[in-house]
Amino acid sequence: MNEPWPAHLVAVAEVVCPQGNRGEVKAVPLTGQLERYDGLGAVTAWHSGRERTLILESWRAWRQFVVLKFAGLESIDDAETIRGALICVRIEERAELPPDQFYHDDLLGLAVCSEDGREYGRVSSILTTGANDVLVATDEAGREVLIPALKAVIITVDVAARRLIFRALPGLLDL
């Protein structure tokens, strides 16, 4: 059963499995700024609709993962208790982004309009590709428009007004 995501949390890592036999866990980082882990203390492990507070003692980068050590997790069995958990911070603690960069949850639900004023629904999901993200705008009839998250395409993102304006480059809206 999929539990509703707690709106007050932002995931910064996803625990894959125990790492070693001293209670460490291997996790996939969900932030592009690994130094973000330096400032973490109390975090929330969220799994299957349940929250558990943990204290991050140390971390290190390892290949494409981070290895996390939490207070109170001292063995493989302890580490197994958070396998599959999302390691989260409170939304007000998330890292500040540079101008013109946005968190995915800031973009989801924005009204989408072309620069000529035509409405295309709302951002319903975001596809992460190797090159750039692609915003999926879905209208009330369920029709989708894919909008590449590129400076040449996205003209304005106004999170406060919940609106995104894009430039329809040649071929973008052709069926």
N, C-alpha and C. Protein backbone atom coordinates (compact mmCIF):
# COMPACT_ATOMS: atom_id res chain seq x y z
N MET A 1 0.84 -1.18 0.00
CA MET A 1 0.00 0.00 0.00
C MET A 1 0.88 1.24 0.00
N ASN A 2 0.64 2.17 -0.90
CA ASN A 2 1.39 3.41 -0.94
C ASN A 2 0.78 4.41 0.02
N GLU A 3 1.59 4.83 0.97
CA GLU A 3 1.16 5.82 1.94
C GLU A 3 1.36 7.21 1.35
N PRO A 4 0.51 8.17 1.69
CA PRO A 4 0.70 9.53 1.18
C PRO A 4 2.01 10.12 1.72
N TRP A 5 2.71 10.84 0.86
CA TRP A 5 3.98 11.45 1.23
C TRP A 5 3.73 12.58 2.23
N PRO A 6 4.50 12.63 3.32
CA PRO A 6 4.34 13.72 4.29
C PRO A 6 4.87 15.03 3.72
N ALA A 7 4.01 16.02 3.60
CA ALA A 7 4.35 17.28 2.94
C ALA A 7 5.43 18.06 3.69
N HIS A 8 5.66 17.76 4.95
CA HIS A 8 6.65 18.51 5.73
C HIS A 8 8.07 17.96 5.58
N LEU A 9 8.26 16.91 4.78
CA LEU A 9 9.56 16.28 4.62
C LEU A 9 10.08 16.37 3.19
N VAL A 10 11.42 16.42 3.07
CA VAL A 10 12.10 16.38 1.78
C VAL A 10 13.16 15.29 1.87
N ALA A 11 13.16 14.36 0.93
CA ALA A 11 14.11 13.25 0.95
C ALA A 11 15.48 13.72 0.46
N VAL A 12 16.54 13.30 1.19
CA VAL A 12 17.91 13.61 0.78
C VAL A 12 18.72 12.35 0.47
N ALA A 13 18.16 11.18 0.79
CA ALA A 13 18.83 9.91 0.47
C ALA A 13 17.81 8.77 0.58
N GLU A 14 18.10 7.68 -0.15
CA GLU A 14 17.28 6.48 -0.05
C GLU A 14 18.18 5.31 0.34
N VAL A 15 17.87 4.69 1.47
CA VAL A 15 18.68 3.60 1.99
C VAL A 15 18.49 2.36 1.12
N VAL A 16 19.63 1.81 0.67
CA VAL A 16 19.61 0.62 -0.17
C VAL A 16 19.78 -0.64 0.67
N CYS A 17 20.81 -0.66 1.53
CA CYS A 17 21.12 -1.85 2.31
C CYS A 17 22.15 -1.53 3.39
N PRO A 18 22.35 -2.46 4.33
CA PRO A 18 23.44 -2.28 5.29
C PRO A 18 24.78 -2.24 4.56
N GLN A 19 25.75 -1.56 5.15
CA GLN A 19 27.11 -1.49 4.61
C GLN A 19 28.07 -1.91 5.72
N GLY A 20 28.66 -3.07 5.58
CA GLY A 20 29.56 -3.55 6.63
C GLY A 20 28.78 -4.11 7.80
N ASN A 21 29.48 -4.28 8.94
CA ASN A 21 28.82 -4.91 10.09
C ASN A 21 28.77 -4.01 11.32
N ARG A 22 28.90 -2.69 11.12
CA ARG A 22 28.90 -1.76 12.25
C ARG A 22 27.69 -0.83 12.25
N GLY A 23 26.64 -1.20 11.54
CA GLY A 23 25.42 -0.41 11.55
C GLY A 23 25.33 0.67 10.50
N GLU A 24 26.33 0.77 9.63
CA GLU A 24 26.25 1.76 8.55
C GLU A 24 25.28 1.27 7.46
N VAL A 25 24.77 2.24 6.68
CA VAL A 25 23.90 1.89 5.55
C VAL A 25 24.43 2.55 4.29
N LYS A 26 24.23 1.86 3.17
CA LYS A 26 24.54 2.41 1.85
C LYS A 26 23.25 3.04 1.34
N ALA A 27 23.37 4.28 0.81
CA ALA A 27 22.19 5.00 0.34
C ALA A 27 22.47 5.71 -0.96
N VAL A 28 21.44 5.88 -1.75
CA VAL A 28 21.50 6.67 -2.98
C VAL A 28 21.26 8.13 -2.59
N PRO A 29 22.20 9.02 -2.90
CA PRO A 29 21.98 10.43 -2.57
C PRO A 29 20.88 11.02 -3.45
N LEU A 30 20.02 11.82 -2.87
CA LEU A 30 18.95 12.48 -3.62
C LEU A 30 19.16 13.99 -3.62
N THR A 31 20.41 14.37 -3.55
CA THR A 31 20.80 15.77 -3.63
C THR A 31 22.04 15.85 -4.50
N GLY A 32 22.15 16.92 -5.25
CA GLY A 32 23.32 17.12 -6.09
C GLY A 32 24.48 17.73 -5.31
N GLN A 33 24.24 18.06 -4.06
CA GLN A 33 25.25 18.70 -3.23
C GLN A 33 25.59 17.78 -2.06
N LEU A 34 26.58 16.91 -2.25
CA LEU A 34 26.91 15.95 -1.19
C LEU A 34 27.35 16.62 0.10
N GLU A 35 27.94 17.81 0.00
CA GLU A 35 28.33 18.51 1.22
C GLU A 35 27.13 18.84 2.10
N ARG A 36 25.94 18.71 1.54
CA ARG A 36 24.70 18.92 2.29
C ARG A 36 24.64 18.01 3.51
N TYR A 37 25.23 16.82 3.43
CA TYR A 37 25.20 15.88 4.55
C TYR A 37 26.04 16.35 5.73
N ASP A 38 27.00 17.27 5.49
CA ASP A 38 27.84 17.78 6.58
C ASP A 38 27.01 18.47 7.66
N GLY A 39 26.00 19.18 7.28
CA GLY A 39 25.23 19.95 8.25
C GLY A 39 24.06 19.22 8.88
N LEU A 40 23.87 17.97 8.52
CA LEU A 40 22.71 17.25 9.05
C LEU A 40 22.99 16.71 10.45
N GLY A 41 21.99 16.74 11.28
CA GLY A 41 22.04 16.13 12.62
C GLY A 41 20.86 15.19 12.72
N ALA A 42 19.78 15.71 13.25
CA ALA A 42 18.55 14.91 13.33
C ALA A 42 17.89 14.87 11.96
N VAL A 43 17.54 13.68 11.53
CA VAL A 43 16.84 13.46 10.27
C VAL A 43 15.66 12.53 10.55
N THR A 44 14.83 12.36 9.55
CA THR A 44 13.69 11.45 9.67
C THR A 44 13.84 10.34 8.64
N ALA A 45 13.76 9.10 9.11
CA ALA A 45 13.69 7.96 8.20
C ALA A 45 12.21 7.70 7.97
N TRP A 46 11.77 7.76 6.70
CA TRP A 46 10.36 7.56 6.36
C TRP A 46 10.23 6.29 5.55
N HIS A 47 9.39 5.39 6.03
CA HIS A 47 9.20 4.12 5.33
C HIS A 47 7.81 3.59 5.63
N SER A 48 7.07 3.27 4.58
CA SER A 48 5.73 2.67 4.71
C SER A 48 4.82 3.47 5.62
N GLY A 49 4.87 4.78 5.49
CA GLY A 49 3.97 5.63 6.25
C GLY A 49 4.40 5.90 7.68
N ARG A 50 5.58 5.44 8.06
CA ARG A 50 6.04 5.64 9.44
C ARG A 50 7.29 6.50 9.45
N GLU A 51 7.38 7.36 10.45
CA GLU A 51 8.53 8.23 10.61
C GLU A 51 9.34 7.79 11.82
N ARG A 52 10.66 7.86 11.68
CA ARG A 52 11.58 7.51 12.77
C ARG A 52 12.69 8.55 12.79
N THR A 53 12.90 9.18 13.93
CA THR A 53 13.96 10.17 14.06
C THR A 53 15.30 9.47 14.29
N LEU A 54 16.31 9.90 13.53
CA LEU A 54 17.67 9.37 13.64
C LEU A 54 18.65 10.53 13.73
N ILE A 55 19.80 10.28 14.35
CA ILE A 55 20.87 11.27 14.43
C ILE A 55 22.02 10.80 13.54
N LEU A 56 22.35 11.60 12.53
CA LEU A 56 23.45 11.26 11.63
C LEU A 56 24.77 11.57 12.33
N GLU A 57 25.59 10.54 12.53
CA GLU A 57 26.88 10.71 13.18
C GLU A 57 27.99 11.02 12.18
N SER A 58 27.95 10.34 11.03
CA SER A 58 28.98 10.56 10.01
C SER A 58 28.47 10.08 8.66
N TRP A 59 29.18 10.48 7.63
CA TRP A 59 28.86 10.04 6.27
C TRP A 59 30.13 10.09 5.44
N ARG A 60 30.12 9.35 4.35
CA ARG A 60 31.20 9.42 3.38
C ARG A 60 30.65 9.03 2.00
N ALA A 61 31.25 9.60 0.98
CA ALA A 61 30.89 9.23 -0.39
C ALA A 61 31.59 7.93 -0.73
N TRP A 62 30.88 7.06 -1.45
CA TRP A 62 31.46 5.79 -1.89
C TRP A 62 30.83 5.43 -3.22
N ARG A 63 31.65 5.51 -4.28
CA ARG A 63 31.17 5.31 -5.65
C ARG A 63 30.00 6.24 -5.91
N GLN A 64 28.85 5.72 -6.37
CA GLN A 64 27.70 6.59 -6.62
C GLN A 64 26.78 6.68 -5.41
N PHE A 65 27.24 6.19 -4.27
CA PHE A 65 26.43 6.13 -3.05
C PHE A 65 27.01 7.03 -1.97
N VAL A 66 26.27 7.14 -0.88
CA VAL A 66 26.79 7.68 0.37
C VAL A 66 26.62 6.59 1.42
N VAL A 67 27.58 6.50 2.32
CA VAL A 67 27.51 5.57 3.43
C VAL A 67 27.20 6.40 4.66
N LEU A 68 26.10 6.08 5.32
CA LEU A 68 25.62 6.86 6.46
C LEU A 68 25.72 6.06 7.74
N LYS A 69 26.14 6.73 8.82
CA LYS A 69 26.19 6.10 10.15
C LYS A 69 25.30 6.89 11.08
N PHE A 70 24.32 6.20 11.66
CA PHE A 70 23.37 6.83 12.56
C PHE A 70 23.59 6.35 13.99
N ALA A 71 23.40 7.23 14.95
CA ALA A 71 23.49 6.86 16.36
C ALA A 71 22.47 5.78 16.66
N GLY A 72 22.88 4.77 17.42
CA GLY A 72 21.96 3.71 17.82
C GLY A 72 21.87 2.54 16.87
N LEU A 73 22.39 2.70 15.65
CA LEU A 73 22.44 1.58 14.71
C LEU A 73 23.87 1.04 14.77
N GLU A 74 24.04 -0.10 15.43
CA GLU A 74 25.39 -0.60 15.71
C GLU A 74 25.71 -1.94 15.05
N SER A 75 24.73 -2.53 14.38
CA SER A 75 24.94 -3.85 13.78
C SER A 75 24.21 -3.93 12.44
N ILE A 76 24.49 -5.04 11.74
CA ILE A 76 23.78 -5.29 10.48
C ILE A 76 22.28 -5.36 10.73
N ASP A 77 21.89 -6.06 11.80
CA ASP A 77 20.46 -6.17 12.12
C ASP A 77 19.83 -4.80 12.38
N ASP A 78 20.54 -3.92 13.09
CA ASP A 78 20.04 -2.56 13.32
C ASP A 78 19.87 -1.83 11.99
N ALA A 79 20.88 -1.94 11.13
CA ALA A 79 20.83 -1.26 9.84
C ALA A 79 19.68 -1.78 8.97
N GLU A 80 19.38 -3.06 9.08
CA GLU A 80 18.27 -3.65 8.31
C GLU A 80 16.94 -2.99 8.64
N THR A 81 16.80 -2.42 9.83
CA THR A 81 15.52 -1.82 10.23
C THR A 81 15.16 -0.59 9.42
N ILE A 82 16.16 -0.02 8.70
CA ILE A 82 15.84 1.15 7.87
C ILE A 82 16.09 0.88 6.38
N ARG A 83 16.27 -0.37 6.01
CA ARG A 83 16.41 -0.71 4.59
C ARG A 83 15.17 -0.20 3.84
N GLY A 84 15.40 0.49 2.73
CA GLY A 84 14.32 1.02 1.91
C GLY A 84 13.75 2.35 2.37
N ALA A 85 14.22 2.84 3.51
CA ALA A 85 13.70 4.11 4.04
C ALA A 85 14.24 5.30 3.24
N LEU A 86 13.47 6.35 3.20
CA LEU A 86 13.93 7.62 2.67
C LEU A 86 14.43 8.44 3.86
N ILE A 87 15.65 8.95 3.74
CA ILE A 87 16.21 9.80 4.79
C ILE A 87 15.82 11.23 4.43
N CYS A 88 15.14 11.89 5.35
CA CYS A 88 14.51 13.18 5.04
C CYS A 88 14.90 14.26 6.04
N VAL A 89 14.77 15.50 5.58
CA VAL A 89 14.87 16.67 6.44
C VAL A 89 13.53 17.39 6.35
N ARG A 90 13.28 18.27 7.31
CA ARG A 90 12.06 19.08 7.25
C ARG A 90 12.17 20.04 6.07
N ILE A 91 11.07 20.34 5.44
CA ILE A 91 11.08 21.15 4.21
C ILE A 91 11.76 22.50 4.42
N GLU A 92 11.62 23.07 5.60
CA GLU A 92 12.25 24.37 5.86
C GLU A 92 13.77 24.26 6.02
N GLU A 93 14.30 23.03 6.11
CA GLU A 93 15.74 22.82 6.24
C GLU A 93 16.42 22.48 4.92
N ARG A 94 15.67 22.40 3.84
CA ARG A 94 16.30 22.03 2.58
C ARG A 94 17.26 23.14 2.13
N ALA A 95 18.25 22.75 1.37
CA ALA A 95 19.30 23.67 0.94
C ALA A 95 18.76 24.75 0.01
N GLU A 96 19.34 25.92 0.12
CA GLU A 96 18.99 27.04 -0.76
C GLU A 96 19.53 26.74 -2.16
N LEU A 97 18.73 26.97 -3.17
CA LEU A 97 19.16 26.75 -4.55
C LEU A 97 19.58 28.07 -5.20
N PRO A 98 20.46 27.99 -6.19
CA PRO A 98 20.82 29.20 -6.94
C PRO A 98 19.58 29.73 -7.69
N PRO A 99 19.64 31.00 -8.11
CA PRO A 99 18.52 31.56 -8.89
C PRO A 99 18.25 30.71 -10.13
N ASP A 100 17.00 30.62 -10.51
CA ASP A 100 16.55 29.89 -11.69
C ASP A 100 16.72 28.38 -11.58
N GLN A 101 16.89 27.86 -10.37
CA GLN A 101 16.85 26.43 -10.14
C GLN A 101 15.73 26.16 -9.14
N PHE A 102 15.04 25.02 -9.31
CA PHE A 102 13.87 24.75 -8.51
C PHE A 102 13.85 23.29 -8.08
N TYR A 103 13.28 23.05 -6.93
CA TYR A 103 13.03 21.68 -6.50
C TYR A 103 11.83 21.15 -7.28
N HIS A 104 11.83 19.85 -7.52
CA HIS A 104 10.72 19.24 -8.26
C HIS A 104 9.39 19.52 -7.59
N ASP A 105 9.35 19.43 -6.25
CA ASP A 105 8.06 19.64 -5.59
C ASP A 105 7.58 21.09 -5.71
N ASP A 106 8.48 22.04 -6.01
CA ASP A 106 8.05 23.41 -6.28
C ASP A 106 7.36 23.52 -7.63
N LEU A 107 7.74 22.67 -8.58
CA LEU A 107 7.21 22.74 -9.94
C LEU A 107 5.91 21.95 -10.11
N LEU A 108 5.77 20.86 -9.36
CA LEU A 108 4.57 20.03 -9.50
C LEU A 108 3.32 20.85 -9.16
N GLY A 109 2.33 20.78 -10.05
CA GLY A 109 1.08 21.50 -9.84
C GLY A 109 1.03 22.89 -10.43
N LEU A 110 2.15 23.41 -10.94
CA LEU A 110 2.13 24.74 -11.55
C LEU A 110 1.26 24.74 -12.80
N ALA A 111 0.50 25.81 -12.99
CA ALA A 111 -0.26 26.00 -14.23
C ALA A 111 0.74 26.26 -15.34
N VAL A 112 0.52 25.64 -16.51
CA VAL A 112 1.46 25.74 -17.63
C VAL A 112 0.78 26.47 -18.79
N CYS A 113 1.44 27.54 -19.26
CA CYS A 113 0.93 28.32 -20.38
C CYS A 113 2.06 28.59 -21.35
N SER A 114 1.70 28.65 -22.63
CA SER A 114 2.69 29.07 -23.63
C SER A 114 2.75 30.59 -23.59
N GLU A 115 3.79 31.17 -24.20
CA GLU A 115 3.96 32.62 -24.16
C GLU A 115 2.83 33.36 -24.87
N ASP A 116 2.08 32.65 -25.75
CA ASP A 116 0.93 33.30 -26.40
C ASP A 116 -0.35 33.18 -25.57
N GLY A 117 -0.25 32.64 -24.37
CA GLY A 117 -1.38 32.59 -23.44
C GLY A 117 -2.19 31.31 -23.46
N ARG A 118 -1.87 30.38 -24.34
CA ARG A 118 -2.61 29.11 -24.39
C ARG A 118 -2.27 28.25 -23.17
N GLU A 119 -3.29 27.69 -22.54
CA GLU A 119 -3.09 26.88 -21.34
C GLU A 119 -2.94 25.41 -21.70
N TYR A 120 -2.03 24.74 -21.01
CA TYR A 120 -1.74 23.33 -21.27
C TYR A 120 -1.91 22.45 -20.05
N GLY A 121 -2.61 22.93 -19.05
CA GLY A 121 -2.84 22.14 -17.85
C GLY A 121 -1.85 22.48 -16.75
N ARG A 122 -1.46 21.45 -16.00
CA ARG A 122 -0.55 21.64 -14.86
C ARG A 122 0.60 20.64 -14.95
N VAL A 123 1.71 20.99 -14.32
CA VAL A 123 2.84 20.07 -14.26
C VAL A 123 2.40 18.89 -13.40
N SER A 124 2.29 17.72 -14.03
CA SER A 124 1.80 16.53 -13.31
C SER A 124 2.93 15.60 -12.89
N SER A 125 4.05 15.67 -13.61
CA SER A 125 5.21 14.86 -13.24
C SER A 125 6.43 15.44 -13.93
N ILE A 126 7.59 14.93 -13.52
CA ILE A 126 8.85 15.39 -14.09
C ILE A 126 9.68 14.16 -14.44
N LEU A 127 10.10 14.10 -15.68
CA LEU A 127 10.95 13.00 -16.14
C LEU A 127 12.40 13.44 -16.02
N THR A 128 13.20 12.64 -15.33
CA THR A 128 14.62 12.95 -15.19
C THR A 128 15.37 12.16 -16.25
N THR A 129 16.04 12.88 -17.14
CA THR A 129 16.81 12.24 -18.20
C THR A 129 18.28 12.54 -17.98
N GLY A 130 19.13 11.99 -18.80
CA GLY A 130 20.56 12.25 -18.68
C GLY A 130 20.93 13.67 -19.02
N ALA A 131 20.20 14.28 -19.94
CA ALA A 131 20.55 15.63 -20.40
C ALA A 131 19.86 16.72 -19.59
N ASN A 132 18.56 16.66 -19.50
CA ASN A 132 17.79 17.68 -18.78
C ASN A 132 16.46 17.06 -18.35
N ASP A 133 15.84 17.67 -17.37
CA ASP A 133 14.53 17.21 -16.95
C ASP A 133 13.50 17.58 -18.02
N VAL A 134 12.39 16.85 -18.02
CA VAL A 134 11.28 17.13 -18.93
C VAL A 134 10.02 17.24 -18.07
N LEU A 135 9.34 18.37 -18.17
CA LEU A 135 8.11 18.58 -17.42
C LEU A 135 6.95 18.00 -18.21
N VAL A 136 6.08 17.29 -17.53
CA VAL A 136 4.89 16.73 -18.15
C VAL A 136 3.71 17.58 -17.71
N ALA A 137 3.11 18.30 -18.67
CA ALA A 137 1.92 19.10 -18.40
C ALA A 137 0.71 18.30 -18.84
N THR A 138 -0.25 18.13 -17.95
CA THR A 138 -1.45 17.35 -18.24
C THR A 138 -2.67 18.24 -18.07
N ASP A 139 -3.56 18.24 -19.10
CA ASP A 139 -4.78 19.05 -19.00
C ASP A 139 -5.91 18.21 -18.42
N GLU A 140 -7.08 18.82 -18.26
CA GLU A 140 -8.22 18.14 -17.64
C GLU A 140 -8.70 16.93 -18.44
N ALA A 141 -8.45 16.91 -19.74
CA ALA A 141 -8.85 15.78 -20.59
C ALA A 141 -7.80 14.67 -20.56
N GLY A 142 -6.70 14.89 -19.86
CA GLY A 142 -5.66 13.88 -19.78
C GLY A 142 -4.61 13.96 -20.87
N ARG A 143 -4.71 14.98 -21.74
CA ARG A 143 -3.70 15.16 -22.79
C ARG A 143 -2.41 15.68 -22.16
N GLU A 144 -1.28 15.17 -22.66
CA GLU A 144 0.01 15.55 -22.11
C GLU A 144 0.85 16.31 -23.13
N VAL A 145 1.60 17.27 -22.62
CA VAL A 145 2.60 17.98 -23.41
C VAL A 145 3.91 17.85 -22.65
N LEU A 146 4.97 17.47 -23.37
CA LEU A 146 6.29 17.33 -22.76
C LEU A 146 7.09 18.61 -23.03
N ILE A 147 7.59 19.19 -21.95
CA ILE A 147 8.30 20.46 -22.06
C ILE A 147 9.70 20.29 -21.49
N PRO A 148 10.72 20.40 -22.34
CA PRO A 148 12.09 20.27 -21.83
C PRO A 148 12.42 21.43 -20.89
N ALA A 149 13.04 21.11 -19.77
CA ALA A 149 13.41 22.14 -18.80
C ALA A 149 14.73 22.76 -19.23
N LEU A 150 14.63 23.61 -20.24
CA LEU A 150 15.79 24.31 -20.80
C LEU A 150 15.54 25.81 -20.77
N LYS A 151 16.59 26.58 -20.60
CA LYS A 151 16.45 28.05 -20.58
C LYS A 151 15.85 28.58 -21.88
N ALA A 152 16.11 27.90 -23.00
CA ALA A 152 15.56 28.34 -24.29
C ALA A 152 14.06 28.08 -24.38
N VAL A 153 13.53 27.23 -23.50
CA VAL A 153 12.11 26.87 -23.55
C VAL A 153 11.33 27.49 -22.40
N ILE A 154 11.81 27.37 -21.19
CA ILE A 154 11.11 27.90 -20.02
C ILE A 154 11.40 29.39 -19.91
N ILE A 155 10.36 30.21 -20.01
CA ILE A 155 10.53 31.66 -19.95
C ILE A 155 10.44 32.15 -18.50
N THR A 156 9.39 31.73 -17.82
CA THR A 156 9.15 32.20 -16.45
C THR A 156 8.66 31.06 -15.58
N VAL A 157 9.21 30.98 -14.37
CA VAL A 157 8.68 30.09 -13.34
C VAL A 157 8.38 30.99 -12.16
N ASP A 158 7.10 31.10 -11.83
CA ASP A 158 6.67 31.90 -10.68
C ASP A 158 6.04 30.96 -9.67
N VAL A 159 6.86 30.49 -8.73
CA VAL A 159 6.39 29.52 -7.74
C VAL A 159 5.30 30.13 -6.87
N ALA A 160 5.47 31.39 -6.48
CA ALA A 160 4.48 32.06 -5.62
C ALA A 160 3.11 32.15 -6.31
N ALA A 161 3.11 32.47 -7.61
CA ALA A 161 1.86 32.58 -8.37
C ALA A 161 1.40 31.23 -8.92
N ARG A 162 2.23 30.17 -8.74
CA ARG A 162 1.92 28.81 -9.19
C ARG A 162 1.71 28.77 -10.71
N ARG A 163 2.65 29.40 -11.47
CA ARG A 163 2.51 29.52 -12.92
C ARG A 163 3.86 29.36 -13.61
N LEU A 164 3.85 28.68 -14.75
CA LEU A 164 5.04 28.48 -15.58
C LEU A 164 4.68 28.88 -17.00
N ILE A 165 5.53 29.68 -17.63
CA ILE A 165 5.30 30.09 -19.01
C ILE A 165 6.46 29.56 -19.84
N PHE A 166 6.12 28.94 -20.99
CA PHE A 166 7.15 28.37 -21.85
C PHE A 166 7.03 28.87 -23.28
N ARG A 167 8.12 28.75 -23.99
CA ARG A 167 8.18 29.11 -25.41
C ARG A 167 8.09 27.82 -26.22
N ALA A 168 7.11 27.75 -27.10
CA ALA A 168 6.93 26.55 -27.93
C ALA A 168 7.87 26.63 -29.12
N LEU A 169 9.03 26.01 -28.99
CA LEU A 169 9.98 25.98 -30.10
C LEU A 169 9.42 25.13 -31.24
N PRO A 170 9.88 25.34 -32.47
CA PRO A 170 9.37 24.56 -33.61
C PRO A 170 9.45 23.05 -33.33
N GLY A 171 8.34 22.38 -33.56
CA GLY A 171 8.27 20.94 -33.38
C GLY A 171 7.87 20.48 -31.99
N LEU A 172 7.90 21.38 -31.01
CA LEU A 172 7.62 20.99 -29.63
C LEU A 172 6.18 20.53 -29.45
N LEU A 173 5.25 21.20 -30.08
CA LEU A 173 3.83 20.88 -29.89
C LEU A 173 3.23 20.14 -31.07
N ASP A 174 4.05 19.75 -32.06
CA ASP A 174 3.53 18.97 -33.20
C ASP A 174 3.14 17.59 -32.75
N LEU A 175 2.05 17.12 -33.29
CA LEU A 175 1.57 15.78 -32.93
C LEU A 175 2.07 14.75 -33.88
